[in-house]
Amino acid sequence: MGKINIQTTLRALAIAYFLEALVLFLATVAIVWGMTTSQAGALLTNSALVVLTLSAGVWLSFAGIAITKGKRWARSAGVFWQLIQIAIALGTFEASLLGGFAIALPSLAVLFTLFSAGVVKATSEPK
């Protein structure tokens, strides 16, 4: 029974990673759209943002696949990404309290799940 629960938890973490990757892919499309419709003020900066958001989306997609297989690096990638999102949320609080909580609360939930005993054990065992 414990094995089913940990697999469900790992799948839930993978879904969270995939949703975060989807947001990054949508941000990439929005930036490219702005560049092609001449809404972009700094073409070089937006080009760098396209590369960064696209790379991060691909990286999170691979991490989502790897976390279901119990790979240790996928948990490390998730911890790093959740900390980045919490830093973004702290900056967002200045503009919108609701927006900051919308970013911070899911990130904290994923972060606490990544440090739960079952997930640590499942991603620490050699496969």
C-alpha atoms as a PDB file:
ATOM      1  CA  MET A   1       0.000   0.000   0.000  1.00  0.00           C
ATOM      2  CA  GLY A   2       2.875   2.389   0.753  1.00  0.00           C
ATOM      3  CA  LYS A   3       4.318   1.812  -2.719  1.00  0.00           C
ATOM      4  CA  ILE A   4       1.052   2.889  -4.367  1.00  0.00           C
ATOM      5  CA  ASN A   5       0.937   6.052  -2.272  1.00  0.00           C
ATOM      6  CA  ILE A   6       4.492   7.068  -3.142  1.00  0.00           C
ATOM      7  CA  GLN A   7       3.867   6.427  -6.837  1.00  0.00           C
ATOM      8  CA  THR A   8       0.779   8.628  -6.639  1.00  0.00           C
ATOM      9  CA  THR A   9       2.808  11.325  -4.902  1.00  0.00           C
ATOM     10  CA  LEU A  10       5.538  11.145  -7.542  1.00  0.00           C
ATOM     11  CA  ARG A  11       2.903  11.410 -10.284  1.00  0.00           C
ATOM     12  CA  ALA A  12       1.386  14.450  -8.559  1.00  0.00           C
ATOM     13  CA  LEU A  13       4.822  16.052  -8.427  1.00  0.00           C
ATOM     14  CA  ALA A  14       5.284  15.281 -12.119  1.00  0.00           C
ATOM     15  CA  ILE A  15       1.946  16.957 -12.888  1.00  0.00           C
ATOM     16  CA  ALA A  16       3.071  20.026 -10.936  1.00  0.00           C
ATOM     17  CA  TYR A  17       6.335  20.094 -12.915  1.00  0.00           C
ATOM     18  CA  PHE A  18       4.429  19.736 -16.206  1.00  0.00           C
ATOM     19  CA  LEU A  19       2.024  22.557 -15.303  1.00  0.00           C
ATOM     20  CA  GLU A  20       4.961  24.802 -14.451  1.00  0.00           C
ATOM     21  CA  ALA A  21       6.603  23.859 -17.758  1.00  0.00           C
ATOM     22  CA  LEU A  22       3.350  24.673 -19.565  1.00  0.00           C
ATOM     23  CA  VAL A  23       3.376  28.158 -18.039  1.00  0.00           C
ATOM     24  CA  LEU A  24       6.939  28.615 -19.262  1.00  0.00           C
ATOM     25  CA  PHE A  25       5.992  27.475 -22.766  1.00  0.00           C
ATOM     26  CA  LEU A  26       3.044  29.892 -22.789  1.00  0.00           C
ATOM     27  CA  ALA A  27       5.366  32.698 -21.645  1.00  0.00           C
ATOM     28  CA  THR A  28       7.718  31.807 -24.503  1.00  0.00           C
ATOM     29  CA  VAL A  29       4.858  32.015 -27.000  1.00  0.00           C
ATOM     30  CA  ALA A  30       3.749  35.365 -25.549  1.00  0.00           C
ATOM     31  CA  ILE A  31       7.265  36.776 -25.844  1.00  0.00           C
ATOM     32  CA  VAL A  32       7.647  35.535 -29.428  1.00  0.00           C
ATOM     33  CA  TRP A  33       4.217  36.951 -30.254  1.00  0.00           C
ATOM     34  CA  GLY A  34       5.271  40.321 -28.885  1.00  0.00           C
ATOM     35  CA  MET A  35       8.465  40.191 -30.928  1.00  0.00           C
ATOM     36  CA  THR A  36       6.672  39.361 -34.175  1.00  0.00           C
ATOM     37  CA  THR A  37       3.975  42.010 -33.736  1.00  0.00           C
ATOM     38  CA  SER A  38       6.544  44.754 -33.044  1.00  0.00           C
ATOM     39  CA  GLN A  39       5.463  45.142 -29.424  1.00  0.00           C
ATOM     40  CA  ALA A  40       8.943  44.313 -28.184  1.00  0.00           C
ATOM     41  CA  GLY A  41      11.075  47.252 -27.124  1.00  0.00           C
ATOM     42  CA  ALA A  42      14.367  45.401 -26.730  1.00  0.00           C
ATOM     43  CA  LEU A  43      14.753  42.648 -29.291  1.00  0.00           C
ATOM     44  CA  LEU A  44      17.988  41.274 -27.848  1.00  0.00           C
ATOM     45  CA  THR A  45      16.548  41.079 -24.320  1.00  0.00           C
ATOM     46  CA  ASN A  46      13.400  39.365 -25.537  1.00  0.00           C
ATOM     47  CA  SER A  47      15.472  36.905 -27.558  1.00  0.00           C
ATOM     48  CA  ALA A  48      17.379  35.983 -24.398  1.00  0.00           C
ATOM     49  CA  LEU A  49      14.087  35.581 -22.529  1.00  0.00           C
ATOM     50  CA  VAL A  50      12.819  33.234 -25.242  1.00  0.00           C
ATOM     51  CA  VAL A  51      15.925  31.060 -24.880  1.00  0.00           C
ATOM     52  CA  LEU A  52      15.703  31.063 -21.069  1.00  0.00           C
ATOM     53  CA  THR A  53      11.979  30.322 -20.796  1.00  0.00           C
ATOM     54  CA  LEU A  54      12.088  27.666 -23.502  1.00  0.00           C
ATOM     55  CA  SER A  55      15.137  25.988 -21.919  1.00  0.00           C
ATOM     56  CA  ALA A  56      13.561  26.056 -18.459  1.00  0.00           C
ATOM     57  CA  GLY A  57      10.342  24.562 -19.837  1.00  0.00           C
ATOM     58  CA  VAL A  58      12.199  21.705 -21.518  1.00  0.00           C
ATOM     59  CA  TRP A  59      14.290  21.140 -18.384  1.00  0.00           C
ATOM     60  CA  LEU A  60      11.182  20.969 -16.182  1.00  0.00           C
ATOM     61  CA  SER A  61       9.542  18.578 -18.643  1.00  0.00           C
ATOM     62  CA  PHE A  62      12.505  16.223 -18.373  1.00  0.00           C
ATOM     63  CA  ALA A  63      12.429  16.592 -14.584  1.00  0.00           C
ATOM     64  CA  GLY A  64       8.724  15.702 -14.595  1.00  0.00           C
ATOM     65  CA  ILE A  65       9.472  12.488 -16.449  1.00  0.00           C
ATOM     66  CA  ALA A  66      12.440  11.684 -14.210  1.00  0.00           C
ATOM     67  CA  ILE A  67      10.608  12.254 -10.913  1.00  0.00           C
ATOM     68  CA  THR A  68       8.140   9.481 -11.770  1.00  0.00           C
ATOM     69  CA  LYS A  69      11.125   7.167 -12.239  1.00  0.00           C
ATOM     70  CA  GLY A  70      12.503   8.123  -8.837  1.00  0.00           C
ATOM     71  CA  LYS A  71      15.592   9.922 -10.130  1.00  0.00           C
ATOM     72  CA  ARG A  72      17.458  11.888  -7.481  1.00  0.00           C
ATOM     73  CA  TRP A  73      18.346  14.784  -9.796  1.00  0.00           C
ATOM     74  CA  ALA A  74      14.665  15.441 -10.506  1.00  0.00           C
ATOM     75  CA  ARG A  75      14.028  16.173  -6.839  1.00  0.00           C
ATOM     76  CA  SER A  76      17.007  18.542  -6.788  1.00  0.00           C
ATOM     77  CA  ALA A  77      15.692  20.248  -9.912  1.00  0.00           C
ATOM     78  CA  GLY A  78      12.295  20.635  -8.279  1.00  0.00           C
ATOM     79  CA  VAL A  79      13.752  22.141  -5.111  1.00  0.00           C
ATOM     80  CA  PHE A  80      15.767  24.628  -7.171  1.00  0.00           C
ATOM     81  CA  TRP A  81      12.771  25.608  -9.295  1.00  0.00           C
ATOM     82  CA  GLN A  82      10.440  26.016  -6.331  1.00  0.00           C
ATOM     83  CA  LEU A  83      12.971  28.307  -4.632  1.00  0.00           C
ATOM     84  CA  ILE A  84      13.190  30.381  -7.826  1.00  0.00           C
ATOM     85  CA  GLN A  85       9.400  30.665  -7.881  1.00  0.00           C
ATOM     86  CA  ILE A  86       9.290  31.692  -4.217  1.00  0.00           C
ATOM     87  CA  ALA A  87      11.812  34.442  -5.008  1.00  0.00           C
ATOM     88  CA  ILE A  88       9.575  35.574  -7.882  1.00  0.00           C
ATOM     89  CA  ALA A  89       6.567  35.492  -5.549  1.00  0.00           C
ATOM     90  CA  LEU A  90       8.341  37.761  -3.063  1.00  0.00           C
ATOM     91  CA  GLY A  91       8.799  40.335  -5.810  1.00  0.00           C
ATOM     92  CA  THR A  92       5.221  39.881  -6.955  1.00  0.00           C
ATOM     93  CA  PHE A  93       3.884  40.724  -3.483  1.00  0.00           C
ATOM     94  CA  GLU A  94       4.837  44.355  -4.132  1.00  0.00           C
ATOM     95  CA  ALA A  95       2.479  44.553  -7.091  1.00  0.00           C
ATOM     96  CA  SER A  96      -0.249  42.119  -6.075  1.00  0.00           C
ATOM     97  CA  LEU A  97      -0.809  40.285  -2.836  1.00  0.00           C
ATOM     98  CA  LEU A  98      -3.086  37.760  -4.533  1.00  0.00           C
ATOM     99  CA  GLY A  99      -0.584  37.187  -7.352  1.00  0.00           C
ATOM    100  CA  GLY A 100       2.213  36.606  -4.866  1.00  0.00           C
ATOM    101  CA  PHE A 101       0.172  34.039  -2.965  1.00  0.00           C
ATOM    102  CA  ALA A 102      -0.858  32.381  -6.259  1.00  0.00           C
ATOM    103  CA  ILE A 103       2.814  31.780  -7.003  1.00  0.00           C
ATOM    104  CA  ALA A 104       4.091  31.093  -3.482  1.00  0.00           C
ATOM    105  CA  LEU A 105       1.498  28.667  -2.095  1.00  0.00           C
ATOM    106  CA  PRO A 106       1.746  25.987  -4.825  1.00  0.00           C
ATOM    107  CA  SER A 107       5.536  26.303  -4.740  1.00  0.00           C
ATOM    108  CA  LEU A 108       5.588  25.802  -0.973  1.00  0.00           C
ATOM    109  CA  ALA A 109       3.276  22.784  -1.284  1.00  0.00           C
ATOM    110  CA  VAL A 110       5.541  21.174  -3.875  1.00  0.00           C
ATOM    111  CA  LEU A 111       8.644  22.063  -1.850  1.00  0.00           C
ATOM    112  CA  PHE A 112       7.268  20.443   1.320  1.00  0.00           C
ATOM    113  CA  THR A 113       6.214  17.379  -0.692  1.00  0.00           C
ATOM    114  CA  LEU A 114       9.708  17.078  -2.164  1.00  0.00           C
ATOM    115  CA  PHE A 115      11.119  16.935   1.377  1.00  0.00           C
ATOM    116  CA  SER A 116       8.595  14.399   2.678  1.00  0.00           C
ATOM    117  CA  ALA A 117      10.122  11.173   3.950  1.00  0.00           C
ATOM    118  CA  GLY A 118       8.531   8.993   1.259  1.00  0.00           C
ATOM    119  CA  VAL A 119       9.704  11.133  -1.629  1.00  0.00           C
ATOM    120  CA  VAL A 120      13.228  11.435  -0.205  1.00  0.00           C
ATOM    121  CA  LYS A 121      13.392   7.660   0.218  1.00  0.00           C
ATOM    122  CA  ALA A 122      11.934   6.944  -3.227  1.00  0.00           C
ATOM    123  CA  THR A 123      14.404   9.275  -4.919  1.00  0.00           C
ATOM    124  CA  SER A 124      17.430   8.177  -2.865  1.00  0.00           C
ATOM    125  CA  GLU A 125      17.341   4.474  -3.574  1.00  0.00           C
ATOM    126  CA  PRO A 126      19.495   3.297  -6.485  1.00  0.00           C
ATOM    127  CA  LYS A 127      17.405   2.249  -9.463  1.00  0.00           C
END
